[in-house]
């Protein structure tokens, strides 16, 4: 099976803070796009009520995901202040040493079972 890691993040936007969230996105996306070669896909979505954001991420492997987390560390407190994290699920094989680092973050892990990727 692939070593690829996929991530689903849900943020709940406080009050009418969607314009603030939108304003924060360009520098975040540029940082990921140009500073993380192991990030294959990084996409943000919003529900119709503009109350929840969903981020779908794909990484080459668990190491690339850790690079992403390190890059985001300084940007996340301001984002989470107006759009707190309400769901964080990771799909893929996560080595033991990585699990130890992310355990305090409340991440729900899903190990691969079967399938293929073209």
C-alpha atoms as a PDB file:
ATOM      1  CA  UNK A   1       0.000   0.000   0.000  1.00  0.00           C
ATOM      2  CA  UNK A   2       0.972   3.629  -0.498  1.00  0.00           C
ATOM      3  CA  UNK A   3       2.750   5.561   2.266  1.00  0.00           C
ATOM      4  CA  UNK A   4       0.566   8.560   1.398  1.00  0.00           C
ATOM      5  CA  UNK A   5      -1.192  10.324   4.268  1.00  0.00           C
ATOM      6  CA  UNK A   6      -4.533  12.086   3.815  1.00  0.00           C
ATOM      7  CA  UNK A   7      -5.932  14.511   6.345  1.00  0.00           C
ATOM      8  CA  UNK A   8      -9.389  15.953   6.979  1.00  0.00           C
ATOM      9  CA  UNK A   9      -9.610  19.027   9.210  1.00  0.00           C
ATOM     10  CA  UNK A  10     -12.822  20.753  10.283  1.00  0.00           C
ATOM     11  CA  UNK A  11     -12.856  24.263  11.710  1.00  0.00           C
ATOM     12  CA  UNK A  12     -15.953  25.902  13.189  1.00  0.00           C
ATOM     13  CA  UNK A  13     -15.974  29.606  12.394  1.00  0.00           C
ATOM     14  CA  UNK A  14     -16.859  31.885  15.292  1.00  0.00           C
ATOM     15  CA  UNK A  15     -19.650  34.429  14.780  1.00  0.00           C
ATOM     16  CA  UNK A  16     -19.273  36.366  11.550  1.00  0.00           C
ATOM     17  CA  UNK A  17     -15.537  35.798  11.228  1.00  0.00           C
ATOM     18  CA  UNK A  18     -15.562  34.285   7.726  1.00  0.00           C
ATOM     19  CA  UNK A  19     -14.019  37.422   6.202  1.00  0.00           C
ATOM     20  CA  UNK A  20     -11.146  37.180   8.688  1.00  0.00           C
ATOM     21  CA  UNK A  21     -10.655  33.504   7.823  1.00  0.00           C
ATOM     22  CA  UNK A  22     -10.637  34.340   4.100  1.00  0.00           C
ATOM     23  CA  UNK A  23      -8.032  37.065   4.685  1.00  0.00           C
ATOM     24  CA  UNK A  24      -5.734  34.592   6.445  1.00  0.00           C
ATOM     25  CA  UNK A  25      -5.783  32.013   3.638  1.00  0.00           C
ATOM     26  CA  UNK A  26      -3.480  33.499   0.952  1.00  0.00           C
ATOM     27  CA  UNK A  27      -0.299  33.529   3.096  1.00  0.00           C
ATOM     28  CA  UNK A  28      -1.108  30.080   4.524  1.00  0.00           C
ATOM     29  CA  UNK A  29      -1.672  28.584   1.085  1.00  0.00           C
ATOM     30  CA  UNK A  30       1.462  30.227  -0.356  1.00  0.00           C
ATOM     31  CA  UNK A  31       3.578  28.907   2.523  1.00  0.00           C
ATOM     32  CA  UNK A  32       2.324  25.373   1.913  1.00  0.00           C
ATOM     33  CA  UNK A  33       2.540  25.592  -1.882  1.00  0.00           C
ATOM     34  CA  UNK A  34       6.098  26.883  -2.019  1.00  0.00           C
ATOM     35  CA  UNK A  35       7.635  25.454   1.146  1.00  0.00           C
ATOM     36  CA  UNK A  36       6.348  21.885   1.259  1.00  0.00           C
ATOM     37  CA  UNK A  37       7.281  19.734  -1.742  1.00  0.00           C
ATOM     38  CA  UNK A  38       5.830  16.660   0.025  1.00  0.00           C
ATOM     39  CA  UNK A  39       2.350  18.208   0.113  1.00  0.00           C
ATOM     40  CA  UNK A  40       0.524  16.918  -2.959  1.00  0.00           C
ATOM     41  CA  UNK A  41      -2.814  18.568  -2.340  1.00  0.00           C
ATOM     42  CA  UNK A  42      -4.043  21.286   0.022  1.00  0.00           C
ATOM     43  CA  UNK A  43      -7.642  22.430  -0.458  1.00  0.00           C
ATOM     44  CA  UNK A  44     -10.041  24.481   1.662  1.00  0.00           C
ATOM     45  CA  UNK A  45     -13.841  24.214   1.492  1.00  0.00           C
ATOM     46  CA  UNK A  46     -16.668  26.082   3.215  1.00  0.00           C
ATOM     47  CA  UNK A  47     -20.226  24.950   3.901  1.00  0.00           C
ATOM     48  CA  UNK A  48     -23.214  26.934   2.623  1.00  0.00           C
ATOM     49  CA  UNK A  49     -23.843  28.609   5.977  1.00  0.00           C
ATOM     50  CA  UNK A  50     -20.195  29.723   6.099  1.00  0.00           C
ATOM     51  CA  UNK A  51     -19.983  28.287   9.596  1.00  0.00           C
ATOM     52  CA  UNK A  52     -17.510  25.475   8.938  1.00  0.00           C
ATOM     53  CA  UNK A  53     -14.316  25.158   6.923  1.00  0.00           C
ATOM     54  CA  UNK A  54     -12.952  21.826   5.779  1.00  0.00           C
ATOM     55  CA  UNK A  55      -9.350  21.313   4.753  1.00  0.00           C
ATOM     56  CA  UNK A  56      -8.410  18.271   2.674  1.00  0.00           C
ATOM     57  CA  UNK A  57      -4.689  17.556   2.605  1.00  0.00           C
ATOM     58  CA  UNK A  58      -2.581  14.878   0.926  1.00  0.00           C
ATOM     59  CA  UNK A  59       1.049  14.221   1.799  1.00  0.00           C
ATOM     60  CA  UNK A  60       3.645  11.889   0.280  1.00  0.00           C
ATOM     61  CA  UNK A  61       4.172  10.248   3.682  1.00  0.00           C
ATOM     62  CA  UNK A  62       4.052  10.865   7.443  1.00  0.00           C
ATOM     63  CA  UNK A  63       7.337  12.795   7.294  1.00  0.00           C
ATOM     64  CA  UNK A  64       5.872  15.290   4.826  1.00  0.00           C
ATOM     65  CA  UNK A  65       2.876  15.718   7.121  1.00  0.00           C
ATOM     66  CA  UNK A  66       5.201  16.505  10.047  1.00  0.00           C
ATOM     67  CA  UNK A  67       6.946  19.153   7.907  1.00  0.00           C
ATOM     68  CA  UNK A  68       3.518  20.684   7.245  1.00  0.00           C
ATOM     69  CA  UNK A  69       2.646  20.720  10.947  1.00  0.00           C
ATOM     70  CA  UNK A  70       5.939  22.451  11.753  1.00  0.00           C
ATOM     71  CA  UNK A  71       5.304  25.092   9.060  1.00  0.00           C
ATOM     72  CA  UNK A  72       1.801  25.777  10.357  1.00  0.00           C
ATOM     73  CA  UNK A  73       2.743  25.981  14.028  1.00  0.00           C
ATOM     74  CA  UNK A  74       3.201  29.773  14.083  1.00  0.00           C
ATOM     75  CA  UNK A  75       0.063  30.470  11.981  1.00  0.00           C
ATOM     76  CA  UNK A  76      -2.427  28.193  13.713  1.00  0.00           C
ATOM     77  CA  UNK A  77      -3.031  30.049  17.011  1.00  0.00           C
ATOM     78  CA  UNK A  78      -4.465  33.109  15.205  1.00  0.00           C
ATOM     79  CA  UNK A  79      -6.601  30.918  12.937  1.00  0.00           C
ATOM     80  CA  UNK A  80      -7.857  28.718  15.789  1.00  0.00           C
ATOM     81  CA  UNK A  81      -8.804  31.847  17.765  1.00  0.00           C
ATOM     82  CA  UNK A  82     -11.519  32.639  15.205  1.00  0.00           C
ATOM     83  CA  UNK A  83     -12.104  29.149  13.788  1.00  0.00           C
ATOM     84  CA  UNK A  84     -11.438  26.488  16.420  1.00  0.00           C
ATOM     85  CA  UNK A  85     -10.483  22.978  15.404  1.00  0.00           C
ATOM     86  CA  UNK A  86     -13.500  20.674  15.780  1.00  0.00           C
ATOM     87  CA  UNK A  87     -12.368  17.595  13.833  1.00  0.00           C
ATOM     88  CA  UNK A  88      -9.002  16.230  12.764  1.00  0.00           C
ATOM     89  CA  UNK A  89      -8.752  12.848  11.095  1.00  0.00           C
ATOM     90  CA  UNK A  90      -5.698  11.283   9.491  1.00  0.00           C
ATOM     91  CA  UNK A  91      -5.832   8.411   7.008  1.00  0.00           C
ATOM     92  CA  UNK A  92      -2.664   6.427   6.329  1.00  0.00           C
ATOM     93  CA  UNK A  93       0.150   4.612   8.051  1.00  0.00           C
ATOM     94  CA  UNK A  94       1.629   6.733  10.823  1.00  0.00           C
ATOM     95  CA  UNK A  95       4.870   5.362  12.344  1.00  0.00           C
ATOM     96  CA  UNK A  96       5.103   4.977  16.124  1.00  0.00           C
ATOM     97  CA  UNK A  97       7.486   7.912  16.646  1.00  0.00           C
ATOM     98  CA  UNK A  98       5.101  10.202  14.758  1.00  0.00           C
ATOM     99  CA  UNK A  99       2.103   8.896  16.735  1.00  0.00           C
ATOM    100  CA  UNK A 100       3.883   9.877  19.952  1.00  0.00           C
ATOM    101  CA  UNK A 101       4.357  13.449  18.693  1.00  0.00           C
ATOM    102  CA  UNK A 102       0.736  13.925  17.599  1.00  0.00           C
ATOM    103  CA  UNK A 103      -1.049  12.033  20.396  1.00  0.00           C
ATOM    104  CA  UNK A 104      -1.606  15.185  22.523  1.00  0.00           C
ATOM    105  CA  UNK A 105      -3.211  16.972  19.556  1.00  0.00           C
ATOM    106  CA  UNK A 106      -6.434  14.939  19.564  1.00  0.00           C
ATOM    107  CA  UNK A 107      -5.944  13.512  16.088  1.00  0.00           C
ATOM    108  CA  UNK A 108      -8.111  10.508  15.125  1.00  0.00           C
ATOM    109  CA  UNK A 109      -5.978   8.013  13.187  1.00  0.00           C
ATOM    110  CA  UNK A 110      -7.189   5.562  10.559  1.00  0.00           C
ATOM    111  CA  UNK A 111      -4.743   2.862   9.418  1.00  0.00           C
ATOM    112  CA  UNK A 112      -4.908   1.510   5.854  1.00  0.00           C
ATOM    113  CA  UNK A 113      -6.864  -1.718   5.453  1.00  0.00           C
ATOM    114  CA  UNK A 114      -7.079  -2.492   1.733  1.00  0.00           C
ATOM    115  CA  UNK A 115      -7.283  -0.811  -1.659  1.00  0.00           C
ATOM    116  CA  UNK A 116      -5.127   0.796  -4.315  1.00  0.00           C
ATOM    117  CA  UNK A 117      -4.154   4.193  -5.687  1.00  0.00           C
ATOM    118  CA  UNK A 118      -3.393   4.819  -9.359  1.00  0.00           C
END
